[in-house]
Amino acid sequence: MKWKLAAFILVLGLAGAGWCVWDFYQPSQNFQGRELLDIAPGTGAPAIADLLVSHGVLAHRWPFLARYWAGHNRRRLKAGEYLFDTPLRPIDVYRKLVAGDVNLYPVVVPEGSDRFDIAHILAERMAIDPDDFLRRTEQTSLIHDLDPAAPSLEGYLFPDTYRFPRHVTADTVIATMVARFRHVLQTRLHDEIAAGTVNLHAVVTLASLVEKETPDPTERPLVAGVFTRRLEKGMLLQCDPTVIYAARLVNRFTGVIHVSDLNFDSPFNTYRHAGLPPGPIANPGESALRAAFQPDDGDALYFVSNTHGGHVFSKTIAEHEHNVAQYRRVKRKESGARSQKSGGKTKSTTYGRQ
């Protein structure tokens, strides 16, 4: 009788093992649709299995747990937010959690965004504390080899589309953006760097001014050329975006440049201080960086908006004053037309090079 009992137990065990193996390769029939599950750090495998079963991702917990325990000493289930949008076999669920294939959220950082813009974007998209982000971007150890004189990480947080997991930290975001800057510098701007001795601090600072002055890639070398020649001649740059940045640093910018902003005594205010500002005022993209490496070698010293997204360039102050007067006439005409449409109520949030 004992051998019969042993045989029965053996058959039962083999049947159970066979069922586990079979079930491990069958998609769950209980899956109801899209599931987004957040597995907290420190959650044990049994609790994870129960969570997966309760949401229909797994039909049964034991095949999943059996595979986990079989590889427990070599592979761990990783915490994070996971998206399940199709029925998966338990083996595929197991592999997903072991690989840490977490759900990623796209974060778009437009060219010309400054640290304050990025802090706002990250607060909205990833619930990162903006004040914490700003404090951490004041620490420059990540770029000390590139720019020992950098007052912050401004200019080195490369604008791009990123994908981050839900619980990403400010430090991880910052490191990723700086790494992206390094990659672009080394792979796409290698020839510009190799062409001669490069003061990267000056190049990135100039590129940030160019980025903020014009959205047109074809104009950027022209703008970079104007600024370069003004620097060579000892002229004030009189770059409006530096005035805005100086005001933003002390939380005083209202959306419009006032005379008090132009007179505000900040080292970033290029209406008050000659030369480049102490550091970048935004994070330039590849096109603006390339323009700063290779400014146009023309003879223009001034430019003003043409009210159509571009600029009019001039060599002399007389030409420039004529262009400024034309710009003001167009803006007054546009403002009058808007006033008529709105019953006399207008609000201007634009500015031009005066």
Protein backbone atom coordinates (compact mmCIF):
# COMPACT_ATOMS: atom_id res chain seq x y z
CA MET A 1 0.00 0.00 0.00
CA LYS A 2 2.88 2.35 0.75
CA TRP A 3 4.17 2.16 -2.79
CA LYS A 4 0.71 2.94 -4.11
CA LEU A 5 0.48 6.00 -1.86
CA ALA A 6 3.94 7.10 -2.95
CA ALA A 7 3.02 6.61 -6.59
CA PHE A 8 -0.19 8.58 -6.08
CA ILE A 9 1.71 11.43 -4.44
CA LEU A 10 4.27 11.38 -7.25
CA VAL A 11 1.57 11.48 -9.93
CA LEU A 12 -0.22 14.26 -8.06
CA GLY A 13 3.02 16.24 -7.79
CA LEU A 14 3.82 15.77 -11.45
CA ALA A 15 0.30 16.81 -12.38
CA GLY A 16 0.57 19.91 -10.22
CA ALA A 17 3.94 20.78 -11.69
CA GLY A 18 2.59 20.19 -15.18
CA TRP A 19 -0.37 22.43 -14.49
CA CYS A 20 1.91 25.17 -13.17
CA VAL A 21 4.10 24.95 -16.26
CA TRP A 22 1.07 24.94 -18.56
CA ASP A 23 -0.57 27.86 -16.74
CA PHE A 24 2.70 29.79 -16.77
CA TYR A 25 2.50 29.99 -20.56
CA GLN A 26 -1.20 30.88 -20.85
CA PRO A 27 -2.42 34.50 -20.95
CA SER A 28 -4.84 35.35 -18.18
CA GLN A 29 -8.49 34.96 -19.16
CA ASN A 30 -9.43 37.40 -16.38
CA PHE A 31 -7.73 40.41 -17.97
CA GLN A 32 -10.31 43.17 -18.38
CA GLY A 33 -8.31 45.88 -20.16
CA ARG A 34 -5.69 48.54 -19.47
CA GLU A 35 -4.14 48.29 -15.99
CA LEU A 36 -1.59 50.68 -14.51
CA LEU A 37 -0.16 49.15 -11.33
CA ASP A 38 2.26 50.84 -8.95
CA ILE A 39 4.52 48.44 -7.05
CA ALA A 40 6.06 50.21 -4.08
CA PRO A 41 9.70 49.58 -3.10
CA GLY A 42 10.01 46.73 -0.60
CA THR A 43 6.83 44.96 -1.70
CA GLY A 44 7.29 41.19 -1.37
CA ALA A 45 6.69 38.70 -4.19
CA PRO A 46 3.49 37.22 -2.60
CA ALA A 47 1.97 40.70 -2.29
CA ILE A 48 2.95 41.49 -5.88
CA ALA A 49 1.35 38.24 -7.06
CA ASP A 50 -1.84 39.04 -5.15
CA LEU A 51 -1.93 42.52 -6.72
CA LEU A 52 -1.51 41.06 -10.21
CA VAL A 53 -4.24 38.48 -9.61
CA SER A 54 -6.67 41.03 -8.17
CA HIS A 55 -6.36 43.13 -11.34
CA GLY A 56 -6.66 40.18 -13.72
CA VAL A 57 -3.07 40.36 -14.94
CA LEU A 58 -2.51 36.85 -13.55
CA ALA A 59 -5.13 34.12 -13.34
CA HIS A 60 -3.33 32.36 -10.45
CA ARG A 61 -0.53 33.35 -8.10
CA TRP A 62 1.30 30.02 -7.65
CA PRO A 63 2.86 29.54 -11.11
CA PHE A 64 4.24 33.10 -10.94
CA LEU A 65 5.56 32.60 -7.40
CA ALA A 66 7.06 29.21 -8.26
CA ARG A 67 9.08 30.82 -11.07
CA TYR A 68 10.11 33.69 -8.80
CA TRP A 69 11.32 31.37 -6.02
CA ALA A 70 13.19 29.22 -8.54
CA GLY A 71 15.27 32.24 -9.55
CA HIS A 72 15.16 34.13 -6.23
CA ASN A 73 18.93 34.17 -5.70
CA ARG A 74 19.65 35.60 -9.14
CA ARG A 75 16.81 37.93 -10.09
CA ARG A 76 14.64 40.36 -8.18
CA LEU A 77 11.27 41.88 -9.01
CA LYS A 78 11.73 45.62 -9.43
CA ALA A 79 9.48 48.28 -7.95
CA GLY A 80 7.82 50.89 -10.13
CA GLU A 81 4.71 51.67 -12.13
CA TYR A 82 3.85 49.05 -14.75
CA LEU A 83 1.43 49.31 -17.66
CA PHE A 84 -0.44 46.18 -18.74
CA ASP A 85 -2.49 46.95 -21.86
CA THR A 86 -2.72 43.46 -23.38
CA PRO A 87 -3.13 39.98 -21.86
CA LEU A 88 0.31 38.56 -21.03
CA ARG A 89 1.51 35.09 -20.14
CA PRO A 90 2.76 34.82 -16.56
CA ILE A 91 6.26 34.17 -17.93
CA ASP A 92 6.08 37.53 -19.73
CA VAL A 93 4.74 39.28 -16.61
CA TYR A 94 7.63 37.81 -14.63
CA ARG A 95 10.17 38.95 -17.24
CA LYS A 96 8.64 42.44 -17.30
CA LEU A 97 9.03 42.85 -13.54
CA VAL A 98 12.52 41.37 -13.48
CA ALA A 99 13.65 43.70 -16.29
CA GLY A 100 12.06 46.71 -14.59
CA ASP A 101 10.11 47.54 -17.76
CA VAL A 102 8.22 50.33 -16.03
CA ASN A 103 5.82 52.77 -17.61
CA LEU A 104 7.53 55.93 -18.88
CA TYR A 105 6.05 59.41 -19.24
CA PRO A 106 7.16 61.77 -22.02
CA VAL A 107 8.51 65.11 -20.82
CA VAL A 108 9.02 67.76 -23.50
CA VAL A 109 11.52 70.52 -22.71
CA PRO A 110 11.39 73.11 -25.54
CA GLU A 111 14.53 74.80 -26.79
CA GLY A 112 15.19 78.00 -24.89
CA SER A 113 13.56 76.83 -21.67
CA ASP A 114 15.32 78.14 -18.59
CA ARG A 115 15.56 76.42 -15.20
CA PHE A 116 12.35 78.06 -14.04
CA ASP A 117 10.45 76.81 -17.10
CA ILE A 118 11.81 73.29 -16.62
CA ALA A 119 10.89 73.30 -12.94
CA HIS A 120 7.30 74.17 -13.92
CA ILE A 121 7.20 71.45 -16.59
CA LEU A 122 8.51 68.80 -14.19
CA ALA A 123 6.07 69.85 -11.48
CA GLU A 124 3.17 69.36 -13.89
CA ARG A 125 4.36 66.18 -15.58
CA MET A 126 6.28 64.34 -12.85
CA ALA A 127 5.14 66.01 -9.59
CA ILE A 128 8.73 67.06 -8.82
CA ASP A 129 8.97 69.87 -6.29
CA PRO A 130 10.02 72.94 -8.33
CA ASP A 131 11.88 74.57 -5.46
CA ASP A 132 13.88 71.39 -4.90
CA PHE A 133 14.70 71.19 -8.61
CA LEU A 134 15.88 74.81 -8.67
CA ARG A 135 18.04 74.30 -5.59
CA ARG A 136 19.68 71.25 -7.11
CA THR A 137 20.39 73.01 -10.41
CA GLU A 138 22.42 75.55 -8.47
CA GLN A 139 24.95 72.80 -7.76
CA THR A 140 27.47 72.64 -10.62
CA SER A 141 29.59 69.58 -9.84
CA LEU A 142 28.12 67.71 -12.83
CA ILE A 143 29.66 70.21 -15.27
CA HIS A 144 32.74 71.35 -13.36
CA ASP A 145 35.02 69.75 -15.98
CA LEU A 146 33.15 71.52 -18.79
CA ASP A 147 32.60 74.91 -17.20
CA PRO A 148 34.27 75.61 -13.85
CA ALA A 149 32.89 79.17 -13.91
CA ALA A 150 29.23 78.18 -14.35
CA PRO A 151 27.01 79.87 -11.74
CA SER A 152 24.39 77.12 -12.17
CA LEU A 153 23.44 74.29 -14.52
CA GLU A 154 21.60 76.78 -16.73
CA GLY A 155 22.63 76.18 -20.31
CA TYR A 156 23.62 72.55 -19.74
CA LEU A 157 20.14 71.03 -19.25
CA PHE A 158 19.71 70.05 -22.87
CA PRO A 159 16.21 70.70 -24.29
CA ASP A 160 14.72 67.52 -25.71
CA THR A 161 11.91 64.99 -25.30
CA TYR A 162 12.65 62.67 -22.39
CA ARG A 163 10.86 59.65 -20.95
CA PHE A 164 10.90 59.19 -17.18
CA PRO A 165 9.24 56.73 -14.76
CA ARG A 166 6.62 58.04 -12.35
CA HIS A 167 8.83 58.23 -9.25
CA VAL A 168 11.86 59.78 -10.94
CA THR A 169 13.89 62.12 -8.74
CA ALA A 170 15.09 65.62 -9.53
CA ASP A 171 18.69 64.37 -9.40
CA THR A 172 17.99 61.69 -12.02
CA VAL A 173 16.30 64.19 -14.34
CA ILE A 174 19.18 66.64 -13.99
CA ALA A 175 21.83 63.96 -14.59
CA THR A 176 19.94 62.73 -17.67
CA MET A 177 19.68 66.21 -19.17
CA VAL A 178 23.33 67.02 -18.54
CA ALA A 179 24.33 63.66 -20.04
CA ARG A 180 22.26 64.53 -23.11
CA PHE A 181 24.12 67.85 -23.42
CA ARG A 182 27.44 66.01 -23.28
CA HIS A 183 26.29 63.53 -25.92
CA VAL A 184 25.23 66.29 -28.33
CA LEU A 185 28.47 68.17 -27.69
CA GLN A 186 30.63 65.12 -28.35
CA THR A 187 28.75 63.62 -31.31
CA ARG A 188 27.10 66.48 -33.19
CA LEU A 189 29.36 69.42 -32.44
CA HIS A 190 32.67 67.58 -32.51
CA ASP A 191 33.92 69.40 -35.62
CA GLU A 192 33.15 72.82 -34.12
CA ILE A 193 35.05 71.95 -30.96
CA ALA A 194 37.98 70.47 -32.90
CA ALA A 195 38.25 73.60 -35.09
CA GLY A 196 40.06 75.57 -32.41
CA THR A 197 40.40 76.57 -28.79
CA VAL A 198 36.93 76.76 -27.30
CA ASN A 199 35.77 78.72 -24.28
CA LEU A 200 32.69 76.60 -23.66
CA HIS A 201 31.39 78.93 -20.98
CA ALA A 202 31.31 81.83 -23.46
CA VAL A 203 29.90 79.68 -26.28
CA VAL A 204 27.00 78.29 -24.25
CA THR A 205 26.25 81.71 -22.76
CA LEU A 206 26.20 83.29 -26.24
CA ALA A 207 24.09 80.41 -27.57
CA SER A 208 21.51 80.99 -24.83
CA LEU A 209 21.15 84.64 -25.87
CA VAL A 210 20.81 83.65 -29.51
CA GLU A 211 18.22 80.99 -28.63
CA LYS A 212 16.06 83.51 -26.77
CA GLU A 213 16.35 86.22 -29.44
CA THR A 214 15.11 84.26 -32.45
CA PRO A 215 13.24 81.00 -33.12
CA ASP A 216 14.45 80.98 -36.76
CA PRO A 217 17.45 78.64 -37.22
CA THR A 218 18.52 80.56 -40.33
CA GLU A 219 18.76 83.80 -38.33
CA ARG A 220 20.75 82.41 -35.44
CA PRO A 221 24.22 82.74 -37.02
CA LEU A 222 23.30 86.35 -37.91
CA VAL A 223 22.28 87.15 -34.33
CA ALA A 224 25.39 85.42 -33.01
CA GLY A 225 27.45 87.52 -35.42
CA VAL A 226 25.87 90.77 -34.19
CA PHE A 227 26.59 89.91 -30.56
CA THR A 228 30.14 88.79 -31.35
CA ARG A 229 30.95 92.05 -33.13
CA ARG A 230 29.41 94.15 -30.36
CA LEU A 231 31.55 92.28 -27.84
CA GLU A 232 34.67 92.90 -29.94
CA LYS A 233 33.87 96.62 -30.14
CA GLY A 234 33.11 96.90 -26.42
CA MET A 235 29.47 97.80 -27.08
CA LEU A 236 26.68 96.86 -24.69
CA LEU A 237 24.79 93.82 -25.96
CA GLN A 238 21.42 95.30 -24.90
CA CYS A 239 19.80 91.88 -25.14
CA ASP A 240 16.22 92.03 -23.86
CA PRO A 241 16.09 88.37 -22.74
CA THR A 242 18.94 89.05 -20.30
CA VAL A 243 16.79 91.74 -18.69
CA ILE A 244 13.96 89.24 -18.33
CA TYR A 245 16.27 86.62 -16.85
CA ALA A 246 17.72 89.11 -14.36
CA ALA A 247 14.17 89.89 -13.23
CA ARG A 248 13.22 86.21 -13.05
CA LEU A 249 16.16 85.46 -10.79
CA VAL A 250 14.65 87.73 -8.14
CA ASN A 251 11.01 86.92 -9.00
CA ARG A 252 10.15 90.39 -10.27
CA PHE A 253 9.31 89.82 -13.95
CA THR A 254 5.66 90.66 -14.75
CA GLY A 255 5.53 89.63 -18.41
CA VAL A 256 6.49 93.05 -19.80
CA ILE A 257 9.86 94.81 -19.76
CA HIS A 258 9.62 98.10 -17.86
CA VAL A 259 12.14 100.94 -17.61
CA SER A 260 12.85 99.79 -14.06
CA ASP A 261 13.85 96.38 -15.47
CA LEU A 262 16.23 97.99 -17.95
CA ASN A 263 17.82 99.92 -15.07
CA PHE A 264 17.87 96.98 -12.66
CA ASP A 265 21.46 96.47 -11.50
CA SER A 266 22.03 92.77 -12.12
CA PRO A 267 25.20 91.30 -13.65
CA PHE A 268 22.84 89.52 -16.08
CA ASN A 269 21.41 92.83 -17.34
CA THR A 270 23.31 93.58 -20.55
CA TYR A 271 21.79 97.06 -20.71
CA ARG A 272 23.79 97.91 -17.57
CA HIS A 273 26.86 95.72 -17.85
CA ALA A 274 29.19 95.21 -20.81
CA GLY A 275 30.21 91.81 -22.07
CA LEU A 276 28.39 88.53 -21.78
CA PRO A 277 26.32 87.85 -18.66
CA PRO A 278 27.94 85.67 -15.95
CA GLY A 279 26.40 82.55 -17.46
CA PRO A 280 23.68 81.24 -19.77
CA ILE A 281 20.16 82.63 -19.44
CA ALA A 282 18.44 79.56 -20.91
CA ASN A 283 19.17 76.12 -22.31
CA PRO A 284 20.00 76.35 -26.02
CA GLY A 285 19.36 73.65 -28.58
CA GLU A 286 21.80 72.31 -31.13
CA SER A 287 21.07 74.99 -33.74
CA ALA A 288 21.80 77.87 -31.36
CA LEU A 289 24.95 76.15 -30.08
CA ARG A 290 26.16 75.68 -33.63
CA ALA A 291 25.52 79.35 -34.36
CA ALA A 292 27.51 80.39 -31.29
CA PHE A 293 30.40 78.19 -32.44
CA GLN A 294 30.22 79.66 -35.96
CA PRO A 295 28.81 83.23 -35.91
CA ASP A 296 28.09 84.97 -39.20
CA ASP A 297 31.04 87.11 -40.29
CA GLY A 298 28.98 89.98 -41.73
CA ASP A 299 29.01 93.59 -40.50
CA ALA A 300 25.58 94.10 -38.89
CA LEU A 301 25.64 95.57 -35.39
CA TYR A 302 21.92 95.97 -34.71
CA PHE A 303 18.64 94.16 -35.22
CA VAL A 304 14.99 94.68 -34.41
CA SER A 305 11.87 92.56 -34.79
CA ASN A 306 10.04 92.69 -38.11
CA THR A 307 6.81 91.72 -36.23
CA HIS A 308 6.58 88.51 -38.27
CA GLY A 309 8.81 86.26 -36.20
CA GLY A 310 12.05 87.46 -37.79
CA HIS A 311 14.36 90.45 -37.56
CA VAL A 312 15.71 93.33 -39.63
CA PHE A 313 19.50 93.72 -39.39
CA SER A 314 21.44 96.95 -39.88
CA LYS A 315 25.05 98.18 -39.91
CA THR A 316 24.63 101.71 -38.58
CA ILE A 317 22.73 103.36 -35.75
CA ALA A 318 20.87 105.52 -38.31
CA GLU A 319 19.59 102.46 -40.16
CA HIS A 320 18.69 100.83 -36.87
CA GLU A 321 16.73 103.86 -35.62
CA HIS A 322 14.80 103.88 -38.90
CA ASN A 323 13.98 100.18 -38.48
CA VAL A 324 12.93 100.73 -34.86
CA ALA A 325 10.61 103.57 -35.91
CA GLN A 326 9.08 101.31 -38.56
CA TYR A 327 8.64 98.57 -35.97
CA ARG A 328 6.86 100.96 -33.61
CA ARG A 329 4.53 102.20 -36.37
CA VAL A 330 3.53 98.63 -37.19
CA LYS A 331 2.99 97.78 -33.51
CA ARG A 332 0.84 100.90 -32.99
CA LYS A 333 -1.25 99.97 -36.02
CA GLU A 334 -1.66 96.40 -34.80
CA SER A 335 -2.48 97.62 -31.28
CA GLY A 336 -5.14 99.98 -32.66
CA ALA A 337 -6.72 97.19 -34.68
CA ARG A 338 -6.83 94.94 -31.62
CA SER A 339 -8.27 97.77 -29.55
CA GLN A 340 -11.12 98.23 -32.00
CA LYS A 341 -11.90 94.52 -31.97
CA SER A 342 -11.84 94.33 -28.16
CA GLY A 343 -13.76 97.55 -27.50
CA GLY A 344 -10.68 99.52 -26.54
CA LYS A 345 -9.20 97.04 -24.08
CA THR A 346 -5.73 95.79 -24.97
CA LYS A 347 -2.86 94.18 -23.12
CA SER A 348 0.63 94.03 -24.58
CA THR A 349 3.01 91.28 -23.58
CA THR A 350 5.45 91.74 -26.44
CA TYR A 351 8.64 93.71 -26.65
CA GLY A 352 11.18 94.56 -29.29
CA ARG A 353 14.79 95.65 -29.40
CA GLN A 354 14.68 99.35 -28.74
